[in-house]
Structure formats: structure tokens, C-alpha cells
PDB file of N, CA and C in Angstrom:
ATOM      1  N   GLY A   1     -11.434 -13.597   7.727  1.00  0.00           N
ATOM      2  CA  GLY A   1     -10.388 -15.201   8.296  1.00  0.00           C
ATOM      3  C   GLY A   1      -8.872 -13.637   8.531  1.00  0.00           C
ATOM      4  N   LEU A   2      -8.217 -14.506   9.495  1.00  0.00           N
ATOM      5  CA  LEU A   2      -7.587 -14.498   9.312  1.00  0.00           C
ATOM      6  C   LEU A   2      -6.156 -14.313   8.594  1.00  0.00           C
ATOM      7  N   LYS A   3      -5.309 -13.058   8.221  1.00  0.00           N
ATOM      8  CA  LYS A   3      -4.639 -12.395   7.088  1.00  0.00           C
ATOM      9  C   LYS A   3      -3.196 -12.677   8.116  1.00  0.00           C
ATOM     10  N   ARG A   4      -2.146 -12.558   6.835  1.00  0.00           N
ATOM     11  CA  ARG A   4      -1.080 -13.700   7.043  1.00  0.00           C
ATOM     12  C   ARG A   4      -0.085 -13.286   5.945  1.00  0.00           C
ATOM     13  N   SER A   5       0.470 -12.481   6.440  1.00  0.00           N
ATOM     14  CA  SER A   5       2.297 -12.687   5.481  1.00  0.00           C
ATOM     15  C   SER A   5       2.703 -12.975   4.486  1.00  0.00           C
ATOM     16  N   PRO A   6       2.799 -13.128   4.196  1.00  0.00           N
ATOM     17  CA  PRO A   6       3.857 -13.519   2.586  1.00  0.00           C
ATOM     18  C   PRO A   6       4.560 -14.567   3.401  1.00  0.00           C
ATOM     19  N   SER A   7       6.024 -13.999   4.384  1.00  0.00           N
ATOM     20  CA  SER A   7       6.637 -14.916   4.611  1.00  0.00           C
ATOM     21  C   SER A   7       6.382 -16.230   5.704  1.00  0.00           C
ATOM     22  N   TYR A   8       4.935 -16.082   5.620  1.00  0.00           N
ATOM     23  CA  TYR A   8       4.250 -16.836   6.860  1.00  0.00           C
ATOM     24  C   TYR A   8       3.862 -17.930   6.099  1.00  0.00           C
ATOM     25  N   ILE A   9       3.256 -17.811   4.618  1.00  0.00           N
ATOM     26  CA  ILE A   9       2.819 -18.733   3.819  1.00  0.00           C
ATOM     27  C   ILE A   9       3.061 -19.646   2.332  1.00  0.00           C
ATOM     28  N   ALA A  10       4.193 -18.613   2.237  1.00  0.00           N
ATOM     29  CA  ALA A  10       4.868 -18.672   1.704  1.00  0.00           C
ATOM     30  C   ALA A  10       6.113 -18.099   1.519  1.00  0.00           C
ATOM     31  N   PRO A  11       7.214 -18.919   2.162  1.00  0.00           N
ATOM     32  CA  PRO A  11       8.941 -18.598   2.504  1.00  0.00           C
ATOM     33  C   PRO A  11       9.531 -18.566   1.453  1.00  0.00           C
ATOM     34  N   ASP A  12       9.040 -19.072   0.221  1.00  0.00           N
ATOM     35  CA  ASP A  12      10.189 -19.186  -0.732  1.00  0.00           C
ATOM     36  C   ASP A  12       9.923 -18.306  -1.707  1.00  0.00           C
ATOM     37  N   LEU A  13       8.522 -17.359  -2.153  1.00  0.00           N
ATOM     38  CA  LEU A  13       7.953 -15.853  -2.727  1.00  0.00           C
ATOM     39  C   LEU A  13       8.402 -14.579  -1.552  1.00  0.00           C
ATOM     40  N   ALA A  14       8.713 -14.885  -0.507  1.00  0.00           N
ATOM     41  CA  ALA A  14       8.419 -14.118   0.208  1.00  0.00           C
ATOM     42  C   ALA A  14      10.479 -13.709  -0.070  1.00  0.00           C
ATOM     43  N   ALA A  15      11.126 -14.874   0.243  1.00  0.00           N
ATOM     44  CA  ALA A  15      12.788 -14.937   0.096  1.00  0.00           C
ATOM     45  C   ALA A  15      12.862 -14.526  -2.097  1.00  0.00           C
ATOM     46  N   ALA A  16      12.088 -14.815  -2.576  1.00  0.00           N
ATOM     47  CA  ALA A  16      12.803 -14.185  -3.510  1.00  0.00           C
ATOM     48  C   ALA A  16      12.103 -12.906  -3.911  1.00  0.00           C
ATOM     49  N   ILE A  17      10.628 -12.349  -3.712  1.00  0.00           N
ATOM     50  CA  ILE A  17      10.391 -11.076  -3.046  1.00  0.00           C
ATOM     51  C   ILE A  17      11.699 -10.259  -2.447  1.00  0.00           C
ATOM     52  N   ARG A  18      11.814 -10.551  -1.239  1.00  0.00           N
ATOM     53  CA  ARG A  18      13.084  -9.289  -0.896  1.00  0.00           C
ATOM     54  C   ARG A  18      14.818  -9.408  -1.732  1.00  0.00           C
ATOM     55  N   ARG A  19      14.875 -10.765  -2.092  1.00  0.00           N
ATOM     56  CA  ARG A  19      16.076 -10.689  -3.697  1.00  0.00           C
ATOM     57  C   ARG A  19      15.225 -10.671  -4.571  1.00  0.00           C
ATOM     58  N   HIS A  20      14.340  -9.763  -5.079  1.00  0.00           N
ATOM     59  CA  HIS A  20      13.803  -8.914  -6.104  1.00  0.00           C
ATOM     60  C   HIS A  20      13.792  -7.117  -5.892  1.00  0.00           C
ATOM     61  N   MET A  21      13.498  -6.934  -4.048  1.00  0.00           N
ATOM     62  CA  MET A  21      13.663  -5.813  -3.753  1.00  0.00           C
ATOM     63  C   MET A  21      15.497  -5.278  -3.716  1.00  0.00           C
ATOM     64  N   ALA A  22      15.649  -6.167  -2.801  1.00  0.00           N
ATOM     65  CA  ALA A  22      17.014  -5.131  -3.035  1.00  0.00           C
ATOM     66  C   ALA A  22      18.062  -5.155  -4.454  1.00  0.00           C
ATOM     67  N   GLY A  23      17.327  -6.068  -5.253  1.00  0.00           N
ATOM     68  CA  GLY A  23      17.951  -5.865  -6.567  1.00  0.00           C
ATOM     69  C   GLY A  23      17.577  -3.802  -7.331  1.00  0.00           C
ATOM     70  N   CYS A  24      16.057  -3.315  -6.576  1.00  0.00           N
ATOM     71  CA  CYS A  24      15.886  -2.916  -6.619  1.00  0.00           C
ATOM     72  C   CYS A  24      16.330  -1.165  -6.158  1.00  0.00           C
ATOM     73  N   ILE A  25      16.864  -1.268  -5.077  1.00  0.00           N
ATOM     74  CA  ILE A  25      17.436  -1.010  -3.746  1.00  0.00           C
ATOM     75  C   ILE A  25      18.786   0.457  -4.555  1.00  0.00           C
ATOM     76  N   ARG A  26      18.842   1.382  -5.232  1.00  0.00           N
ATOM     77  CA  ARG A  26      20.406   2.632  -5.355  1.00  0.00           C
ATOM     78  C   ARG A  26      19.978   3.718  -4.855  1.00  0.00           C
ATOM     79  N   HIS A  27      21.748   3.538  -4.378  1.00  0.00           N
ATOM     80  CA  HIS A  27      22.027   5.176  -3.588  1.00  0.00           C
ATOM     81  C   HIS A  27      22.271   6.128  -4.154  1.00  0.00           C
ATOM     82  N   LYS A  28      21.655   7.365  -3.909  1.00  0.00           N
ATOM     83  CA  LYS A  28      21.878   8.931  -4.572  1.00  0.00           C
ATOM     84  C   LYS A  28      23.306   9.566  -4.292  1.00  0.00           C
ATOM     85  N   LYS A  29      23.154  10.390  -5.597  1.00  0.00           N
ATOM     86  CA  LYS A  29      24.894  10.327  -5.430  1.00  0.00           C
ATOM     87  C   LYS A  29      25.075  11.403  -4.426  1.00  0.00           C
ATOM     88  N   GLY A  30      25.733  12.143  -4.066  1.00  0.00           N
ATOM     89  CA  GLY A  30      25.768  14.262  -3.489  1.00  0.00           C
ATOM     90  C   GLY A  30      26.567  14.185  -2.519  1.00  0.00           C
ATOM     91  N   ASN A  31      25.589  14.884  -1.372  1.00  0.00           N
ATOM     92  CA  ASN A  31      26.124  15.072  -0.266  1.00  0.00           C
ATOM     93  C   ASN A  31      25.368  14.307   0.795  1.00  0.00           C
ATOM     94  N   PHE A  32      23.876  14.157   0.087  1.00  0.00           N
ATOM     95  CA  PHE A  32      23.272  13.323   1.508  1.00  0.00           C
ATOM     96  C   PHE A  32      23.221  11.693   0.951  1.00  0.00           C
ATOM     97  N   PRO A  33      23.667  10.698   1.380  1.00  0.00           N
ATOM     98  CA  PRO A  33      23.521   9.139   0.242  1.00  0.00           C
ATOM     99  C   PRO A  33      22.679   8.459   0.982  1.00  0.00           C
ATOM    100  N   ALA A  34      21.389   9.088   0.308  1.00  0.00           N
ATOM    101  CA  ALA A  34      19.747   8.410   0.949  1.00  0.00           C
ATOM    102  C   ALA A  34      20.292   7.024   0.097  1.00  0.00           C
ATOM    103  N   ARG A  35      19.102   5.867   0.157  1.00  0.00           N
ATOM    104  CA  ARG A  35      18.626   5.277  -0.571  1.00  0.00           C
ATOM    105  C   ARG A  35      17.245   5.005  -1.278  1.00  0.00           C
ATOM    106  N   TYR A  36      17.112   4.237  -1.967  1.00  0.00           N
ATOM    107  CA  TYR A  36      15.754   4.809  -3.131  1.00  0.00           C
ATOM    108  C   TYR A  36      15.586   3.699  -3.684  1.00  0.00           C
ATOM    109  N   ILE A  37      13.885   3.608  -4.220  1.00  0.00           N
ATOM    110  CA  ILE A  37      13.293   2.183  -5.084  1.00  0.00           C
ATOM    111  C   ILE A  37      13.310   3.014  -6.373  1.00  0.00           C
ATOM    112  N   ASN A  38      14.432   2.133  -7.276  1.00  0.00           N
ATOM    113  CA  ASN A  38      14.110   2.843  -8.629  1.00  0.00           C
ATOM    114  C   ASN A  38      12.577   2.751  -9.840  1.00  0.00           C
ATOM    115  N   GLU A  39      12.147   1.000  -8.891  1.00  0.00           N
ATOM    116  CA  GLU A  39      11.502   0.370 -10.129  1.00  0.00           C
ATOM    117  C   GLU A  39      10.279   0.668  -9.865  1.00  0.00           C
ATOM    118  N   PHE A  40       9.246   0.874  -8.030  1.00  0.00           N
ATOM    119  CA  PHE A  40       8.012   0.909  -7.732  1.00  0.00           C
ATOM    120  C   PHE A  40       8.151   2.017  -7.098  1.00  0.00           C
ATOM    121  N   THR A  41       7.914   3.082  -7.834  1.00  0.00           N
ATOM    122  CA  THR A  41       6.991   4.474  -7.024  1.00  0.00           C
ATOM    123  C   THR A  41       6.090   4.804  -6.682  1.00  0.00           C
ATOM    124  N   THR A  42       4.902   4.085  -7.394  1.00  0.00           N
ATOM    125  CA  THR A  42       3.324   3.769  -7.392  1.00  0.00           C
ATOM    126  C   THR A  42       2.662   2.919  -6.941  1.00  0.00           C
ATOM    127  N   PHE A  43       1.386   2.878  -6.825  1.00  0.00           N
ATOM    128  CA  PHE A  43       0.856   1.088  -6.505  1.00  0.00           C
ATOM    129  C   PHE A  43      -0.666   1.896  -7.539  1.00  0.00           C
ATOM    130  N   SER A  44      -0.889   1.128  -8.179  1.00  0.00           N
ATOM    131  CA  SER A  44      -2.310   1.758  -8.166  1.00  0.00           C
ATOM    132  C   SER A  44      -3.441   0.243  -8.867  1.00  0.00           C
ATOM    133  N   LEU A  45      -4.069   0.713  -8.261  1.00  0.00           N
ATOM    134  CA  LEU A  45      -5.142  -0.532  -8.401  1.00  0.00           C
ATOM    135  C   LEU A  45      -5.499  -0.712 -10.276  1.00  0.00           C
ATOM    136  N   PRO A  46      -6.407  -1.818 -10.755  1.00  0.00           N
ATOM    137  CA  PRO A  46      -6.390  -2.166 -12.343  1.00  0.00           C
ATOM    138  C   PRO A  46      -8.593  -0.874 -12.112  1.00  0.00           C
ATOM    139  N   ALA A  47      -8.379  -0.069 -12.921  1.00  0.00           N
ATOM    140  CA  ALA A  47      -9.686   0.541 -13.077  1.00  0.00           C
ATOM    141  C   ALA A  47     -10.387  -0.471 -13.393  1.00  0.00           C
ATOM    142  N   GLU A  48     -10.265  -1.736 -13.554  1.00  0.00           N
ATOM    143  CA  GLU A  48     -11.450  -2.424 -14.286  1.00  0.00           C
ATOM    144  C   GLU A  48     -12.511  -2.563 -12.388  1.00  0.00           C
ATOM    145  N   ILE A  49     -11.570  -2.465 -11.764  1.00  0.00           N
ATOM    146  CA  ILE A  49     -12.194  -3.160  -9.742  1.00  0.00           C
ATOM    147  C   ILE A  49     -12.793  -2.538 -10.390  1.00  0.00           C
ATOM    148  N   GLU A  50     -13.607  -1.193 -10.126  1.00  0.00           N
ATOM    149  CA  GLU A  50     -15.163  -0.640 -10.539  1.00  0.00           C
ATOM    150  C   GLU A  50     -16.452  -1.458 -11.415  1.00  0.00           C
ATOM    151  N   GLU A  51     -15.707  -2.475 -12.035  1.00  0.00           N
ATOM    152  CA  GLU A  51     -16.863  -2.951 -13.119  1.00  0.00           C
ATOM    153  C   GLU A  51     -17.361  -4.777 -12.292  1.00  0.00           C
ATOM    154  N   LEU A  52     -16.011  -4.829 -11.209  1.00  0.00           N
ATOM    155  CA  LEU A  52     -16.425  -5.499 -10.820  1.00  0.00           C
ATOM    156  C   LEU A  52     -18.259  -5.487  -9.982  1.00  0.00           C
ATOM    157  N   PRO A  53     -18.831  -6.409  -9.586  1.00  0.00           N
ATOM    158  CA  PRO A  53     -19.329  -6.778  -8.641  1.00  0.00           C
ATOM    159  C   PRO A  53     -19.322  -6.317  -7.513  1.00  0.00           C
ATOM    160  N   ALA A  54     -20.461  -5.663  -6.067  1.00  0.00           N
ATOM    161  CA  ALA A  54     -20.579  -4.896  -5.574  1.00  0.00           C
ATOM    162  C   ALA A  54     -19.650  -5.763  -4.211  1.00  0.00           C
ATOM    163  N   ALA A  55     -19.656  -7.030  -4.040  1.00  0.00           N
ATOM    164  CA  ALA A  55     -20.223  -7.827  -3.152  1.00  0.00           C
ATOM    165  C   ALA A  55     -18.538  -8.053  -3.175  1.00  0.00           C
ATOM    166  N   ILE A  56     -17.505  -8.736  -4.750  1.00  0.00           N
ATOM    167  CA  ILE A  56     -16.424  -8.410  -5.480  1.00  0.00           C
ATOM    168  C   ILE A  56     -15.877  -7.351  -4.777  1.00  0.00           C
ATOM    169  N   GLN A  57     -16.339  -6.403  -5.082  1.00  0.00           N
ATOM    170  CA  GLN A  57     -15.331  -5.775  -4.369  1.00  0.00           C
ATOM    171  C   GLN A  57     -14.918  -5.632  -3.309  1.00  0.00           C
ATOM    172  N   GLU A  58     -15.872  -4.959  -2.159  1.00  0.00           N
ATOM    173  CA  GLU A  58     -15.730  -5.641  -0.998  1.00  0.00           C
ATOM    174  C   GLU A  58     -15.494  -6.985  -0.791  1.00  0.00           C
ATOM    175  N   GLN A  59     -14.787  -7.677  -1.322  1.00  0.00           N
ATOM    176  CA  GLN A  59     -14.063  -8.471  -0.167  1.00  0.00           C
ATOM    177  C   GLN A  59     -12.724  -8.695  -0.492  1.00  0.00           C
ATOM    178  N   LEU A  60     -12.053  -8.139  -2.113  1.00  0.00           N
ATOM    179  CA  LEU A  60     -11.530  -7.557  -2.236  1.00  0.00           C
ATOM    180  C   LEU A  60     -10.652  -5.994  -1.965  1.00  0.00           C
ATOM    181  N   PHE A  61     -11.246  -5.532  -1.293  1.00  0.00           N
ATOM    182  CA  PHE A  61     -11.146  -4.389  -0.952  1.00  0.00           C
ATOM    183  C   PHE A  61     -10.654  -4.851   0.599  1.00  0.00           C
ATOM    184  N   SER A  62     -10.847  -6.019   1.264  1.00  0.00           N
ATOM    185  CA  SER A  62     -11.460  -5.890   2.385  1.00  0.00           C
ATOM    186  C   SER A  62      -9.626  -7.090   2.551  1.00  0.00           C
ATOM    187  N   GLU A  63      -9.275  -7.283   2.025  1.00  0.00           N
ATOM    188  CA  GLU A  63      -8.087  -8.541   1.589  1.00  0.00           C
ATOM    189  C   GLU A  63      -6.999  -7.014   1.658  1.00  0.00           C
ATOM    190  N   LEU A  64      -7.239  -6.409   1.069  1.00  0.00           N
ATOM    191  CA  LEU A  64      -6.372  -5.669   0.597  1.00  0.00           C
ATOM    192  C   LEU A  64      -5.768  -4.239   1.506  1.00  0.00           C
ATOM    193  N   LEU A  65      -7.042  -3.667   2.182  1.00  0.00           N
ATOM    194  CA  LEU A  65      -7.464  -2.363   2.962  1.00  0.00           C
ATOM    195  C   LEU A  65      -6.899  -2.405   4.176  1.00  0.00           C
ATOM    196  N   ASP A  66      -5.988  -1.279   4.235  1.00  0.00           N
ATOM    197  CA  ASP A  66      -6.358  -1.412   6.368  1.00  0.00           C
ATOM    198  C   ASP A  66      -7.206  -0.114   6.821  1.00  0.00           C
ATOM    199  N   ARG A  67      -8.326  -0.722   6.509  1.00  0.00           N
ATOM    200  CA  ARG A  67      -8.952   0.650   7.037  1.00  0.00           C
ATOM    201  C   ARG A  67      -9.156   1.228   8.849  1.00  0.00           C
ATOM    202  N   GLU A  68      -8.363   0.019   9.918  1.00  0.00           N
ATOM    203  CA  GLU A  68      -8.562   1.034  10.657  1.00  0.00           C
ATOM    204  C   GLU A  68      -7.302   2.373  10.518  1.00  0.00           C
ATOM    205  N   ALA A  69      -6.508   1.739   9.492  1.00  0.00           N
ATOM    206  CA  ALA A  69      -5.202   2.803   9.478  1.00  0.00           C
ATOM    207  C   ALA A  69      -6.039   4.184   8.191  1.00  0.00           C
ATOM    208  N   GLN A  70      -7.362   3.746   7.266  1.00  0.00           N
ATOM    209  CA  GLN A  70      -7.665   4.782   6.179  1.00  0.00           C
ATOM    210  C   GLN A  70      -8.197   5.783   7.346  1.00  0.00           C
ATOM    211  N   GLN A  71      -9.251   5.433   8.819  1.00  0.00           N
ATOM    212  CA  GLN A  71      -9.782   6.078   9.093  1.00  0.00           C
ATOM    213  C   GLN A  71      -9.099   7.437   9.643  1.00  0.00           C
ATOM    214  N   THR A  72      -8.129   6.248  10.001  1.00  0.00           N
ATOM    215  CA  THR A  72      -7.094   7.640  11.092  1.00  0.00           C
ATOM    216  C   THR A  72      -6.616   8.847   9.993  1.00  0.00           C
ATOM    217  N   LEU A  73      -5.831   7.873   8.946  1.00  0.00           N
ATOM    218  CA  LEU A  73      -5.315   9.416   8.051  1.00  0.00           C
ATOM    219  C   LEU A  73      -6.262   9.706   7.692  1.00  0.00           C
ATOM    220  N   GLU A  74      -7.715   9.603   7.120  1.00  0.00           N
ATOM    221  CA  GLU A  74      -8.937  10.481   7.063  1.00  0.00           C
ATOM    222  C   GLU A  74      -9.386  11.390   7.973  1.00  0.00           C
ATOM    223  N   ALA A  75      -9.593  11.196   9.378  1.00  0.00           N
ATOM    224  CA  ALA A  75      -9.595  12.016  10.376  1.00  0.00           C
ATOM    225  C   ALA A  75      -9.524  13.565  10.595  1.00  0.00           C
ATOM    226  N   GLU A  76     -10.733  14.341  10.498  1.00  0.00           N
ATOM    227  CA  GLU A  76     -10.116  15.362  10.585  1.00  0.00           C
ATOM    228  C   GLU A  76      -8.933  16.012  11.548  1.00  0.00           C
ATOM    229  N   PRO A  77      -8.435  16.724  11.212  1.00  0.00           N
ATOM    230  CA  PRO A  77      -7.570  17.213   9.676  1.00  0.00           C
ATOM    231  C   PRO A  77      -6.883  16.191   8.737  1.00  0.00           C
ATOM    232  N   PRO A  78      -7.202  15.756   7.940  1.00  0.00           N
ATOM    233  CA  PRO A  78      -7.471  14.970   6.629  1.00  0.00           C
ATOM    234  C   PRO A  78      -5.363  14.464   6.566  1.00  0.00           C
ATOM    235  N   LEU A  79      -4.751  13.682   6.145  1.00  0.00           N
ATOM    236  CA  LEU A  79      -3.892  13.697   5.652  1.00  0.00           C
ATOM    237  C   LEU A  79      -3.132  12.495   4.944  1.00  0.00           C
ATOM    238  N   ILE A  80      -4.279  12.584   4.218  1.00  0.00           N
ATOM    239  CA  ILE A  80      -4.240  11.705   3.003  1.00  0.00           C
ATOM    240  C   ILE A  80      -6.007  11.735   2.465  1.00  0.00           C
ATOM    241  N   ASN A  81      -6.510  11.784   0.636  1.00  0.00           N
ATOM    242  CA  ASN A  81      -7.246  12.289   0.495  1.00  0.00           C
ATOM    243  C   ASN A  81      -8.150  13.693   1.171  1.00  0.00           C
ATOM    244  N   TRP A  82      -7.395  14.524   1.366  1.00  0.00           N
ATOM    245  CA  TRP A  82      -8.134  16.128   1.402  1.00  0.00           C
ATOM    246  C   TRP A  82      -8.686  16.821   0.055  1.00  0.00           C
ATOM    247  N   SER A  83      -8.268  16.506  -1.208  1.00  0.00           N
ATOM    248  CA  SER A  83      -8.424  17.160  -1.788  1.00  0.00           C
ATOM    249  C   SER A  83      -9.325  17.154  -2.391  1.00  0.00           C
ATOM    250  N   LEU A  84     -10.629  18.174  -2.667  1.00  0.00           N
ATOM    251  CA  LEU A  84     -11.828  17.643  -3.200  1.00  0.00           C
ATOM    252  C   LEU A  84     -11.887  17.779  -4.918  1.00  0.00           C
ATOM    253  N   GLU A  85     -10.735  18.529  -5.540  1.00  0.00           N
ATOM    254  CA  GLU A  85      -9.830  18.047  -6.776  1.00  0.00           C
ATOM    255  C   GLU A  85     -10.041  17.137  -6.710  1.00  0.00           C
ATOM    256  N   LEU A  86      -8.833  15.945  -6.207  1.00  0.00           N
ATOM    257  CA  LEU A  86      -8.953  14.927  -6.886  1.00  0.00           C
ATOM    258  C   LEU A  86      -9.622  13.444  -6.854  1.00  0.00           C
ATOM    259  N   THR A  87     -10.013  13.827  -5.397  1.00  0.00           N
ATOM    260  CA  THR A  87     -11.079  13.128  -4.394  1.00  0.00           C
ATOM    261  C   THR A  87     -12.246  12.630  -5.275  1.00  0.00           C
ATOM    262  N   VAL A  88     -13.037  13.359  -5.986  1.00  0.00           N
ATOM    263  CA  VAL A  88     -14.743  14.200  -6.379  1.00  0.00           C
ATOM    264  C   VAL A  88     -14.353  14.229  -7.512  1.00  0.00           C
ATOM    265  N   ARG A  89     -13.568  15.411  -8.550  1.00  0.00           N
ATOM    266  CA  ARG A  89     -13.966  15.294  -9.474  1.00  0.00           C
ATOM    267  C   ARG A  89     -13.208  14.993 -10.544  1.00  0.00           C
ATOM    268  N   LEU A  90     -12.027  13.660  -9.939  1.00  0.00           N
ATOM    269  CA  LEU A  90     -10.942  13.177 -10.532  1.00  0.00           C
ATOM    270  C   LEU A  90     -10.897  11.793 -10.422  1.00  0.00           C
ATOM    271  N   GLY A  91     -11.720  11.541  -9.476  1.00  0.00           N
ATOM    272  CA  GLY A  91     -12.211  10.137  -8.965  1.00  0.00           C
ATOM    273  C   GLY A  91     -10.609   9.615  -8.608  1.00  0.00           C
ATOM    274  N   SER A  92      -9.406  10.122  -7.965  1.00  0.00           N
ATOM    275  CA  SER A  92      -9.210   9.132  -7.890  1.00  0.00           C
ATOM    276  C   SER A  92      -8.231   8.830  -6.033  1.00  0.00           C
ATOM    277  N   ARG A  93      -8.298   8.241  -5.316  1.00  0.00           N
ATOM    278  CA  ARG A  93      -7.572   8.114  -4.290  1.00  0.00           C
ATOM    279  C   ARG A  93      -6.488   7.830  -3.333  1.00  0.00           C
ATOM    280  N   LEU A  94      -6.153   7.886  -1.795  1.00  0.00           N
ATOM    281  CA  LEU A  94      -5.157   7.349  -1.335  1.00  0.00           C
ATOM    282  C   LEU A  94      -4.997   6.456  -0.763  1.00  0.00           C
ATOM    283  N   TYR A  95      -4.938   4.857  -0.367  1.00  0.00           N
ATOM    284  CA  TYR A  95      -5.355   3.414   0.218  1.00  0.00           C
ATOM    285  C   TYR A  95      -4.811   3.211   1.147  1.00  0.00           C
ATOM    286  N   ALA A  96      -4.476   3.376   2.324  1.00  0.00           N
ATOM    287  CA  ALA A  96      -4.204   2.849   3.128  1.00  0.00           C
ATOM    288  C   ALA A  96      -4.501   0.692   2.592  1.00  0.00           C
ATOM    289  N   LEU A  97      -2.707   0.139   2.385  1.00  0.00           N
ATOM    290  CA  LEU A  97      -2.800  -1.724   2.224  1.00  0.00           C
ATOM    291  C   LEU A  97      -1.963  -1.481   3.486  1.00  0.00           C
ATOM    292  N   TRP A  98      -2.600  -2.688   3.888  1.00  0.00           N
ATOM    293  CA  TRP A  98      -3.443  -3.837   5.079  1.00  0.00           C
ATOM    294  C   TRP A  98      -1.804  -4.043   4.815  1.00  0.00           C
ATOM    295  N   ASN A  99      -1.162  -3.521   5.714  1.00  0.00           N
ATOM    296  CA  ASN A  99       0.813  -4.650   6.415  1.00  0.00           C
ATOM    297  C   ASN A  99       1.360  -4.281   7.677  1.00  0.00           C
ATOM    298  N   ARG A 100       0.271  -4.642   8.195  1.00  0.00           N
ATOM    299  CA  ARG A 100       0.553  -5.071   9.811  1.00  0.00           C
ATOM    300  C   ARG A 100       0.773  -6.266  10.837  1.00  0.00           C
ATOM    301  N   SER A 101       1.494  -6.719  10.012  1.00  0.00           N
ATOM    302  CA  SER A 101       2.132  -8.352  10.910  1.00  0.00           C
ATOM    303  C   SER A 101       3.451  -8.623  11.408  1.00  0.00           C
ATOM    304  N   ALA A 102       3.911  -7.710  10.306  1.00  0.00           N
ATOM    305  CA  ALA A 102       6.131  -7.268  10.962  1.00  0.00           C
ATOM    306  C   ALA A 102       5.792  -6.364  11.647  1.00  0.00           C
ATOM    307  N   GLY A 103       4.917  -5.559  12.167  1.00  0.00           N
ATOM    308  CA  GLY A 103       4.960  -4.420  13.117  1.00  0.00           C
ATOM    309  C   GLY A 103       6.160  -3.569  12.369  1.00  0.00           C
ATOM    310  N   ASP A 104       6.232  -2.781  11.376  1.00  0.00           N
ATOM    311  CA  ASP A 104       6.831  -2.347  10.932  1.00  0.00           C
ATOM    312  C   ASP A 104       6.991  -1.192   9.642  1.00  0.00           C
ATOM    313  N   CYS A 105       4.732  -1.031  10.076  1.00  0.00           N
ATOM    314  CA  CYS A 105       4.872  -0.335   9.916  1.00  0.00           C
ATOM    315  C   CYS A 105       4.799   1.330  10.455  1.00  0.00           C
ATOM    316  N   LEU A 106       4.124   2.235   9.442  1.00  0.00           N
ATOM    317  CA  LEU A 106       4.533   3.397  10.038  1.00  0.00           C
ATOM    318  C   LEU A 106       4.025   4.385  10.921  1.00  0.00           C
ATOM    319  N   LEU A 107       2.770   4.051  11.162  1.00  0.00           N
ATOM    320  CA  LEU A 107       1.290   3.991  11.758  1.00  0.00           C
ATOM    321  C   LEU A 107       2.134   2.862  13.611  1.00  0.00           C
ATOM    322  N   ASP A 108       2.686   1.892  13.725  1.00  0.00           N
ATOM    323  CA  ASP A 108       3.362   1.168  14.530  1.00  0.00           C
ATOM    324  C   ASP A 108       4.240   1.913  14.819  1.00  0.00           C
ATOM    325  N   ALA A 109       4.439   3.029  14.555  1.00  0.00           N
ATOM    326  CA  ALA A 109       6.202   3.053  15.586  1.00  0.00           C
ATOM    327  C   ALA A 109       5.208   4.364  16.683  1.00  0.00           C
TER     328      ALA A 109
END
């Protein structure tokens, strides 16, 4: 189906998200006054996803992930998931989340 950004589907929710994120932005002190977000440094999917039936996992991932961006980032030479120790031995991977509607994705730059 057609994916839409929350700002199109639920403008009130999008406004609340913007307000919340604006409240999380901090300014680094020092010679280089960079901005950073103090609350959300990492996003992780719950481990219980692996316990779901394969069809539900596939549907969930198709809604959350950007498969085209994932392929681009993992193409030779890979920019993400290049460490076999992390991806194979520890079962940890980075995934490209779907974020293409606003045109502000790094891959769109």
C-alpha cells in the first residue's frame, strides 16, 4: 500500500512530535556550538519480533524499513553491517528505516 508520513495522516500527532523533539534539542557548549538530541540516541526493535510468525514479521518490516536504501547501504563496499562479528556472531544489524516522503533523507541529498 501507499505509505504516508504522520504529518499527512495525523497533523495533530505530527505537531505533538515536533513539539516534543524541539524540547529535546540541546546546544553543546564550547568552541563548536553543535546541536544534539539528548533523549533519542538509538532506536531498537523489540527482540520479541523474532517470535512472531514469518508473515507478520515480513509485513512489519515492509512497513518500517526502506529496502532500497538498505540494499544501497549494504552494497559493496558496505557502509553498514560490514562487521561479521556483530551481524553473525552477535545477531546485531543496522536497518534503514523508511523516511522518504519529506525528501530530507540523507540518501535523497
